[in-house]
Amino acid sequence: MKVRSSIRSLKNQAGSQVVKRKGRIYVINKDNPRFKARQG
């Protein structure tokens, strides 16, 4: 999982979901798990 200052490029990927947990924004992609990232 990468920590990114901007996750806009990752949430445009196919199959990605944007989830907010504990004040942090996560990008989860079950189709392609290498696009996992968090912001904040």
N, C-alpha and C. Protein backbone atom coordinates (compact mmCIF):
# COMPACT_ATOMS: atom_id res chain seq x y z
N MET A 1 0.85 -1.19 0.00
CA MET A 1 0.00 0.00 0.00
C MET A 1 0.89 1.24 0.00
N LYS A 2 0.56 2.19 -0.84
CA LYS A 2 1.32 3.41 -0.92
C LYS A 2 0.57 4.54 -0.22
N VAL A 3 1.33 5.45 0.36
CA VAL A 3 0.76 6.66 0.96
C VAL A 3 0.95 7.77 -0.06
N ARG A 4 -0.15 8.33 -0.52
CA ARG A 4 -0.11 9.32 -1.59
C ARG A 4 -0.69 10.63 -1.10
N SER A 5 -0.17 11.73 -1.64
CA SER A 5 -0.76 13.03 -1.33
C SER A 5 -2.00 13.28 -2.18
N SER A 6 -2.07 12.64 -3.35
CA SER A 6 -3.25 12.76 -4.20
C SER A 6 -3.60 11.38 -4.73
N ILE A 7 -4.85 10.97 -4.54
CA ILE A 7 -5.28 9.65 -4.98
C ILE A 7 -6.21 9.74 -6.18
N ARG A 8 -6.23 10.89 -6.82
CA ARG A 8 -7.14 11.08 -7.95
C ARG A 8 -6.83 10.13 -9.10
N SER A 9 -5.53 9.91 -9.38
CA SER A 9 -5.17 9.04 -10.49
C SER A 9 -5.52 7.59 -10.19
N LEU A 10 -5.54 7.21 -8.91
CA LEU A 10 -5.83 5.82 -8.56
C LEU A 10 -7.31 5.52 -8.56
N LYS A 11 -8.14 6.52 -8.20
CA LYS A 11 -9.56 6.21 -8.16
C LYS A 11 -10.20 6.21 -9.53
N ASN A 12 -9.45 6.61 -10.56
CA ASN A 12 -9.96 6.50 -11.93
C ASN A 12 -9.69 5.14 -12.55
N GLN A 13 -8.93 4.28 -11.84
CA GLN A 13 -8.65 2.95 -12.36
C GLN A 13 -9.91 2.10 -12.33
N ALA A 14 -9.97 1.11 -13.22
CA ALA A 14 -11.13 0.23 -13.28
C ALA A 14 -11.19 -0.64 -12.03
N GLY A 15 -12.36 -0.70 -11.42
CA GLY A 15 -12.56 -1.58 -10.27
C GLY A 15 -12.12 -1.01 -8.94
N SER A 16 -11.75 0.25 -8.88
CA SER A 16 -11.27 0.81 -7.62
C SER A 16 -12.42 1.40 -6.83
N GLN A 17 -12.32 1.29 -5.50
CA GLN A 17 -13.30 1.85 -4.59
C GLN A 17 -12.60 2.81 -3.65
N VAL A 18 -13.26 3.91 -3.33
CA VAL A 18 -12.73 4.88 -2.39
C VAL A 18 -13.48 4.69 -1.07
N VAL A 19 -12.73 4.41 0.01
CA VAL A 19 -13.32 4.11 1.30
C VAL A 19 -12.71 5.05 2.33
N LYS A 20 -13.54 5.56 3.24
CA LYS A 20 -13.06 6.43 4.31
C LYS A 20 -13.13 5.67 5.62
N ARG A 21 -11.97 5.49 6.26
CA ARG A 21 -11.91 4.78 7.54
C ARG A 21 -11.00 5.55 8.49
N LYS A 22 -11.54 5.83 9.67
CA LYS A 22 -10.78 6.49 10.75
C LYS A 22 -10.14 7.79 10.28
N GLY A 23 -10.86 8.56 9.48
CA GLY A 23 -10.36 9.86 9.02
C GLY A 23 -9.36 9.79 7.89
N ARG A 24 -9.07 8.60 7.39
CA ARG A 24 -8.16 8.45 6.27
C ARG A 24 -8.94 7.96 5.06
N ILE A 25 -8.45 8.31 3.89
CA ILE A 25 -9.10 7.91 2.64
C ILE A 25 -8.27 6.79 2.03
N TYR A 26 -8.93 5.67 1.75
CA TYR A 26 -8.25 4.52 1.18
C TYR A 26 -8.80 4.24 -0.21
N VAL A 27 -7.94 3.75 -1.09
CA VAL A 27 -8.36 3.25 -2.39
C VAL A 27 -8.10 1.75 -2.38
N ILE A 28 -9.16 0.98 -2.62
CA ILE A 28 -9.08 -0.47 -2.64
C ILE A 28 -9.46 -0.93 -4.03
N ASN A 29 -8.66 -1.84 -4.57
CA ASN A 29 -8.96 -2.37 -5.90
C ASN A 29 -8.79 -3.88 -5.84
N LYS A 30 -9.92 -4.61 -5.88
CA LYS A 30 -9.84 -6.07 -5.82
C LYS A 30 -9.46 -6.66 -7.16
N ASP A 31 -9.74 -5.95 -8.26
CA ASP A 31 -9.34 -6.45 -9.58
C ASP A 31 -7.83 -6.39 -9.75
N ASN A 32 -7.22 -5.31 -9.27
CA ASN A 32 -5.79 -5.12 -9.44
C ASN A 32 -5.23 -4.59 -8.12
N PRO A 33 -4.85 -5.48 -7.18
CA PRO A 33 -4.52 -5.02 -5.82
C PRO A 33 -3.28 -4.15 -5.71
N ARG A 34 -2.51 -3.99 -6.76
CA ARG A 34 -1.34 -3.12 -6.64
C ARG A 34 -1.71 -1.65 -6.64
N PHE A 35 -2.97 -1.31 -6.84
CA PHE A 35 -3.41 0.08 -6.78
C PHE A 35 -3.94 0.47 -5.41
N LYS A 36 -3.62 -0.32 -4.38
CA LYS A 36 -4.03 0.06 -3.03
C LYS A 36 -3.23 1.27 -2.56
N ALA A 37 -3.92 2.21 -1.93
CA ALA A 37 -3.23 3.41 -1.44
C ALA A 37 -4.07 4.04 -0.34
N ARG A 38 -3.40 4.92 0.42
CA ARG A 38 -4.13 5.72 1.40
C ARG A 38 -3.65 7.15 1.37
N GLN A 39 -4.54 8.03 1.81
CA GLN A 39 -4.22 9.45 1.87
C GLN A 39 -4.60 9.96 3.25
N GLY A 40 -3.70 10.78 3.84
CA GLY A 40 -4.01 11.35 5.14
C GLY A 40 -3.47 10.54 6.30
